[in-house]
Protein backbone atom coordinates (compact mmCIF):
# COMPACT_ATOMS: atom_id res chain seq x y z
CA MET A 1 -12.97 28.50 -24.82
CA ASP A 2 -10.21 28.45 -22.55
CA LYS A 3 -6.72 29.42 -23.39
CA PHE A 4 -5.10 26.20 -23.97
CA ASP A 5 -8.16 24.92 -26.08
CA ALA A 6 -7.72 28.24 -27.94
CA MET A 7 -3.81 27.56 -28.63
CA GLY A 8 -5.02 24.32 -30.34
CA ALA A 9 -7.53 25.92 -32.15
CA PHE A 10 -4.85 28.58 -33.39
CA ALA A 11 -2.30 25.62 -34.11
CA LYS A 12 -4.88 23.95 -35.93
CA VAL A 13 -6.04 27.08 -38.35
CA VAL A 14 -2.11 27.68 -39.11
CA ALA A 15 -1.46 24.17 -39.99
CA SER A 16 -4.41 23.72 -42.73
CA GLY A 17 -4.33 27.34 -43.92
CA SER A 18 -8.18 27.35 -43.10
CA TYR A 19 -11.11 27.89 -40.01
CA ALA A 20 -13.28 25.70 -41.73
CA GLU A 21 -10.85 22.57 -42.06
CA ALA A 22 -9.59 23.61 -38.40
CA GLY A 23 -13.41 23.46 -37.27
CA ARG A 24 -13.67 19.87 -39.09
CA ARG A 25 -10.37 18.37 -37.53
CA LEU A 26 -11.70 19.63 -33.93
CA GLY A 27 -15.05 19.04 -33.84
CA LEU A 28 -15.48 22.52 -33.88
CA THR A 29 -17.74 25.36 -36.05
CA ARG A 30 -16.39 28.00 -38.27
CA SER A 31 -17.20 30.47 -35.90
CA ALA A 32 -16.32 29.11 -32.84
CA VAL A 33 -12.88 28.65 -33.94
CA SER A 34 -12.51 32.18 -35.57
CA LYS A 35 -13.78 33.67 -32.30
CA ALA A 36 -11.08 31.97 -30.24
CA VAL A 37 -8.09 33.21 -32.36
CA LEU A 38 -9.79 37.03 -31.74
CA GLU A 39 -10.04 35.85 -28.52
CA LEU A 40 -6.07 35.20 -28.69
CA GLU A 41 -5.21 38.36 -30.54
CA HIS A 42 -6.99 40.62 -28.21
CA ASP A 43 -5.19 39.18 -25.35
CA LEU A 44 -1.74 39.41 -27.14
CA GLY A 45 -2.35 42.89 -28.59
CA VAL A 46 -1.06 41.05 -31.75
CA ARG A 47 -2.32 40.42 -35.24
CA LEU A 48 -1.87 36.45 -35.59
CA LEU A 49 -3.33 35.73 -38.95
CA ASP A 50 -3.54 37.57 -42.21
CA ARG A 51 -7.17 36.59 -43.41
CA THR A 52 -7.82 36.76 -46.86
CA THR A 53 -11.30 34.86 -48.66
CA ARG A 54 -8.74 32.15 -50.13
CA ARG A 55 -6.61 31.29 -47.26
CA VAL A 56 -5.29 32.39 -43.76
CA THR A 57 -1.59 33.36 -43.24
CA PRO A 58 0.04 33.44 -39.96
CA THR A 59 2.32 37.06 -39.71
CA GLU A 60 5.46 37.23 -38.50
CA ALA A 61 4.42 37.38 -35.10
CA GLY A 62 1.81 34.65 -35.53
CA LEU A 63 4.43 32.26 -37.10
CA ALA A 64 6.38 32.65 -33.60
CA TYR A 65 3.41 31.99 -31.35
CA TYR A 66 2.58 29.27 -33.56
CA GLU A 67 5.95 27.64 -32.63
CA ARG A 68 5.53 28.35 -29.19
CA CYS A 69 2.32 26.81 -28.77
CA LEU A 70 3.71 23.80 -31.04
CA ALA A 71 6.13 22.99 -28.37
CA ILE A 72 3.95 23.70 -25.40
CA LEU A 73 0.63 21.69 -26.85
CA ALA A 74 3.62 18.55 -27.08
CA GLN A 75 5.13 19.07 -23.77
CA VAL A 76 1.22 18.70 -22.66
CA GLU A 77 0.63 15.56 -24.55
CA GLU A 78 4.11 14.01 -23.78
CA THR A 79 3.29 14.77 -19.73
CA GLU A 80 -0.23 13.50 -19.91
CA GLU A 81 1.02 10.23 -21.42
CA GLN A 82 3.55 10.11 -19.28
CA VAL A 83 1.10 10.67 -15.75
CA SER A 84 -1.37 7.57 -17.64
CA ARG A 85 1.25 5.40 -18.22
CA LEU A 86 2.04 5.50 -14.53
CA HIS A 87 -1.88 4.17 -13.98
CA ASP A 88 -1.19 1.53 -16.92
CA GLU A 89 2.74 0.52 -16.10
CA PRO A 90 4.15 -0.25 -12.38
CA LYS A 91 6.72 2.36 -12.64
CA GLY A 92 7.47 5.11 -10.14
CA VAL A 93 8.01 4.57 -6.36
CA LEU A 94 6.03 2.34 -4.29
CA LYS A 95 5.76 3.46 -0.78
CA ILE A 96 4.63 0.11 1.46
CA ASN A 97 4.49 0.09 5.58
CA ALA A 98 3.95 -2.94 7.65
CA PRO A 99 4.36 -4.49 10.99
CA LEU A 100 7.85 -4.60 11.86
CA SER A 101 7.67 -8.49 12.79
CA PHE A 102 5.88 -9.51 9.68
CA GLY A 103 7.20 -7.04 7.10
CA THR A 104 11.30 -8.50 8.58
CA LEU A 105 9.68 -12.35 8.44
CA TYR A 106 7.94 -11.99 5.30
CA LEU A 107 7.48 -8.73 3.11
CA GLY A 108 11.85 -8.48 2.63
CA LYS A 109 11.45 -11.46 0.84
CA LEU A 110 8.49 -11.05 -1.25
CA VAL A 111 9.41 -7.51 -2.04
CA ALA A 112 12.74 -8.62 -3.66
CA GLU A 113 10.76 -11.25 -5.45
CA PHE A 114 8.03 -8.45 -6.49
CA MET A 115 10.88 -6.00 -7.76
CA ALA A 116 12.56 -8.70 -9.83
CA LEU A 117 9.39 -8.42 -11.70
CA TYR A 118 8.98 -4.97 -12.04
CA ARG A 119 12.67 -3.55 -12.75
CA ASP A 120 11.16 0.15 -13.50
CA LEU A 121 9.69 0.27 -10.02
CA LYS A 122 11.70 1.70 -6.84
CA VAL A 123 10.47 1.04 -3.22
CA GLU A 124 10.61 1.96 -0.01
CA LEU A 125 9.50 -0.12 2.72
CA SER A 126 9.13 1.59 6.37
CA LEU A 127 8.84 -1.71 9.43
CA THR A 128 7.20 -0.08 12.52
CA ASP A 129 4.63 -1.40 15.26
CA ARG A 130 3.38 2.27 14.99
CA TYR A 131 -0.67 3.11 13.70
CA ILE A 132 0.16 5.23 10.84
CA ASP A 133 -2.29 7.48 8.97
CA PRO A 134 -1.22 6.55 5.44
CA LEU A 135 -2.69 9.38 3.77
CA GLU A 136 -1.02 11.57 5.90
CA GLU A 137 2.43 10.12 5.58
CA GLY A 138 2.08 9.34 1.63
CA VAL A 139 1.86 4.99 1.73
CA ASP A 140 0.39 3.72 -0.68
CA VAL A 141 -0.06 0.32 0.67
CA THR A 142 -0.18 -0.36 4.18
CA VAL A 143 -0.06 -4.06 6.27
CA ARG A 144 -2.88 -3.99 9.12
CA ILE A 145 -2.83 -7.28 11.09
CA GLY A 146 -6.24 -7.23 13.61
CA THR A 147 -9.53 -5.65 13.68
CA LEU A 148 -9.41 -2.74 11.20
CA LYS A 149 -10.42 0.75 12.64
CA ASP A 150 -13.20 2.52 10.74
CA SER A 151 -11.49 4.96 8.35
CA SER A 152 -11.82 6.24 4.31
CA LEU A 153 -9.00 3.51 3.44
CA ILE A 154 -9.94 0.51 0.68
CA ALA A 155 -8.81 -3.08 2.89
CA ARG A 156 -8.23 -6.00 0.20
CA ARG A 157 -8.01 -9.24 2.81
CA LEU A 158 -4.73 -11.11 2.61
CA SER A 159 -4.79 -14.14 5.09
CA SER A 160 -5.31 -14.81 8.41
CA THR A 161 -3.39 -16.12 11.23
CA ARG A 162 -4.21 -17.91 14.32
CA MET A 163 -3.20 -16.34 17.72
CA MET A 164 -0.97 -19.19 19.81
CA VAL A 165 -0.22 -19.45 23.35
CA VAL A 166 3.31 -21.39 23.34
CA ALA A 167 6.45 -22.18 25.51
CA SER A 168 9.30 -24.58 25.04
CA PRO A 169 9.93 -27.92 25.24
CA GLY A 170 12.48 -26.88 28.69
CA TYR A 171 9.94 -24.50 30.20
CA LEU A 172 7.18 -27.45 29.89
CA LYS A 173 9.25 -29.81 31.21
CA ILE A 174 10.25 -27.36 34.57
CA TYR A 175 7.35 -25.73 35.19
CA GLY A 176 4.34 -28.01 33.57
CA THR A 177 1.75 -27.65 31.21
CA PRO A 178 -1.09 -25.09 31.93
CA LYS A 179 -4.70 -26.84 30.76
CA SER A 180 -6.45 -23.70 31.43
CA PRO A 181 -6.33 -19.55 31.59
CA ALA A 182 -6.50 -20.07 35.35
CA ASP A 183 -3.91 -21.71 35.48
CA LEU A 184 -1.55 -19.08 33.66
CA ALA A 185 -1.56 -17.57 36.89
CA THR A 186 0.76 -19.23 38.58
CA HIS A 187 3.18 -19.41 35.19
CA ARG A 188 6.13 -16.55 33.61
CA CYS A 189 4.25 -14.92 30.95
CA LEU A 190 5.54 -12.63 28.06
CA THR A 191 3.68 -9.94 27.28
CA TYR A 192 3.07 -7.81 24.13
CA GLY A 193 3.22 -4.05 25.56
CA HIS A 194 5.59 -1.48 27.27
CA THR A 195 5.02 -2.71 30.63
CA THR A 196 4.81 -6.03 33.04
CA SER A 197 2.34 -4.46 34.94
CA MET A 198 -1.56 -4.77 34.89
CA GLN A 199 -1.04 -7.36 31.49
CA ARG A 200 -4.04 -9.35 30.44
CA TRP A 201 -4.50 -11.67 28.29
CA SER A 202 -8.43 -12.66 26.38
CA LEU A 203 -8.43 -16.16 26.05
CA VAL A 204 -11.52 -18.88 25.53
CA GLU A 205 -12.45 -19.98 28.94
CA SER A 206 -15.51 -22.81 29.56
CA GLY A 207 -17.00 -21.66 26.18
CA LYS A 208 -16.77 -18.35 26.63
CA MET A 209 -14.31 -15.34 26.13
CA SER A 210 -12.85 -14.14 28.98
CA THR A 211 -10.18 -11.48 30.10
CA LYS A 212 -7.18 -12.78 32.84
CA GLY A 213 -4.41 -11.25 34.63
CA VAL A 214 -1.50 -12.60 33.87
CA GLY A 215 2.11 -12.54 35.26
CA SER A 216 4.39 -11.25 33.35
CA CYS A 217 7.92 -11.34 33.97
CA LEU A 218 9.24 -9.81 30.19
CA ALA A 219 6.95 -7.22 28.64
CA SER A 220 7.78 -5.90 24.91
CA ASN A 221 6.22 -4.31 21.94
CA ASN A 222 8.27 -6.61 19.57
CA GLY A 223 6.77 -10.19 18.68
CA ASP A 224 10.40 -11.31 17.99
CA VAL A 225 11.52 -10.62 21.30
CA LEU A 226 8.98 -11.95 22.74
CA ARG A 227 9.71 -15.43 20.95
CA ASP A 228 13.25 -15.26 21.49
CA ALA A 229 12.58 -15.47 25.23
CA ALA A 230 10.11 -18.43 24.58
CA VAL A 231 12.44 -20.46 23.01
CA GLU A 232 15.24 -19.74 25.62
CA GLY A 233 12.70 -21.12 28.07
CA ILE A 234 11.76 -17.73 29.73
CA GLY A 235 8.22 -18.22 30.18
CA ILE A 236 4.97 -18.74 28.16
CA THR A 237 3.73 -16.22 25.34
CA LEU A 238 0.45 -15.48 23.36
CA LEU A 239 1.37 -14.75 19.72
CA PRO A 240 0.51 -15.10 16.15
CA GLU A 241 1.22 -18.39 14.17
CA PHE A 242 3.25 -16.44 11.54
CA ILE A 243 5.58 -15.47 14.17
CA VAL A 244 6.11 -18.80 16.31
CA GLY A 245 4.60 -21.29 13.77
CA PRO A 246 8.86 -22.40 12.24
CA ASP A 247 9.66 -22.49 15.76
CA ILE A 248 6.88 -25.15 16.23
CA ALA A 249 7.41 -27.01 13.19
CA ALA A 250 11.40 -27.01 14.32
CA GLY A 251 9.97 -28.31 17.95
CA ARG A 252 11.82 -24.96 19.59
CA LEU A 253 8.31 -24.21 20.80
CA ARG A 254 5.16 -26.56 21.85
CA SER A 255 1.81 -24.86 21.27
CA ILE A 256 -0.37 -25.47 24.52
CA MET A 257 -4.20 -24.51 25.33
CA PRO A 258 -5.34 -24.80 21.45
CA LYS A 259 -9.11 -24.57 22.55
CA CYS A 260 -8.39 -21.04 24.78
CA VAL A 261 -7.08 -18.97 22.01
CA PRO A 262 -8.60 -16.50 20.62
CA ALA A 263 -10.10 -15.85 17.33
CA ASP A 264 -8.00 -15.73 14.04
CA LEU A 265 -6.51 -12.31 13.18
CA GLU A 266 -7.36 -10.72 9.94
CA ILE A 267 -4.26 -9.50 7.64
CA HIS A 268 -5.37 -6.68 5.52
CA ALA A 269 -3.91 -4.36 2.67
CA LEU A 270 -5.28 -0.91 2.60
CA TYR A 271 -5.00 1.62 0.16
CA ALA A 272 -6.36 5.01 -0.45
CA PRO A 273 -9.93 5.12 -2.31
CA ASN A 274 -8.86 6.04 -5.84
CA ARG A 275 -11.38 5.85 -8.91
CA TYR A 276 -7.69 5.73 -10.58
CA LEU A 277 -5.54 3.29 -8.82
CA ALA A 278 -2.21 3.63 -9.92
CA ALA A 279 -0.56 0.01 -11.26
CA LYS A 280 2.40 -0.10 -9.34
CA THR A 281 -0.22 -0.18 -6.48
CA ARG A 282 -2.94 -2.55 -7.88
CA VAL A 283 0.15 -4.93 -8.88
CA PHE A 284 2.04 -5.20 -5.74
CA ILE A 285 -1.78 -6.18 -3.62
CA ASP A 286 -2.81 -8.64 -6.35
CA PHE A 287 0.97 -9.97 -5.94
CA LEU A 288 0.33 -10.07 -2.29
CA ALA A 289 -3.07 -11.91 -2.59
CA GLN A 290 -1.61 -14.29 -4.68
CA LYS A 291 1.31 -15.10 -2.59
CA PHE A 292 -0.48 -15.52 0.55
CA GLY A 293 -3.54 -17.14 -0.75
CA LYS A 294 -6.57 -18.40 1.08
CA LYS A 295 -4.85 -20.55 3.86
CA THR A 296 -1.31 -19.41 4.13
CA ASP A 297 1.39 -21.83 5.08
CA TRP A 298 3.36 -19.52 7.47
CA THR A 299 6.17 -22.42 8.06
CA GLY A 300 6.72 -22.12 4.05
CA LEU A 301 6.42 -18.27 3.93
CA ALA A 302 8.96 -17.58 6.62
CA LYS A 303 12.28 -16.30 6.07
CA GLY A 304 15.09 -19.00 7.07
CA ARG A 305 15.61 -19.56 10.88
CA SER A 306 18.40 -21.70 11.88
């Protein structure tokens, strides 16, 4: 029997005044309880109990040790209850990571709504387009858009979003509307990346996916920058519907070449594999899944734009 269990057995003996009764309460034999107390006395180098044929009573040292045991056992029980409640009730700090544009447009509003439901929760929301390792950085939930890399993380699908080739009505009036990926070679394109050189888009042409070089006049690693430039008539861009959907609905952008866009991008919530998933993580992922649903209305969910 380990030291902690032995302390519990000793405390039960003092409380009941009997080895046999203590054993009954603990589901142990009398001899096992007696052995545990003897081991404690040997380790401590003092006699803890006075034994008679009728009753067991603590010595002066035993009484002092008993009081300390009760305090320690109570603290351990309280700690276990608190930790257990973290898995039963949404409490503590919830750390969330998501792509910048997606987080700004959708998660900010939803996180505020979520926190209104769970007042005991604190949230740390980090937005970055940089790929992070959530296990290394201590993130509870990571939102990822696109093809997932092989990892030990658990992925729950939240929704999907179409890729769309878009331009402003003003741009199309001046430069014309491309009909096929090949036509993009003569257009000004706004591309995702860090450089305007060697930019390529994967689009469907003649029923097959092909990768074409495009003439990039603006490159950025942020979709909002590209959308704003497209709205201003600077060029054509290829972006997810969750970024450009509201602008299309408002007439600021038009979708072109709809049959040429690549496959939809899947949106997932990723979290660490854990048999005892914390309630804060579980309820937040359930909340996101309910909000986004199987088919998401990106226009309706988007943060308002003037």
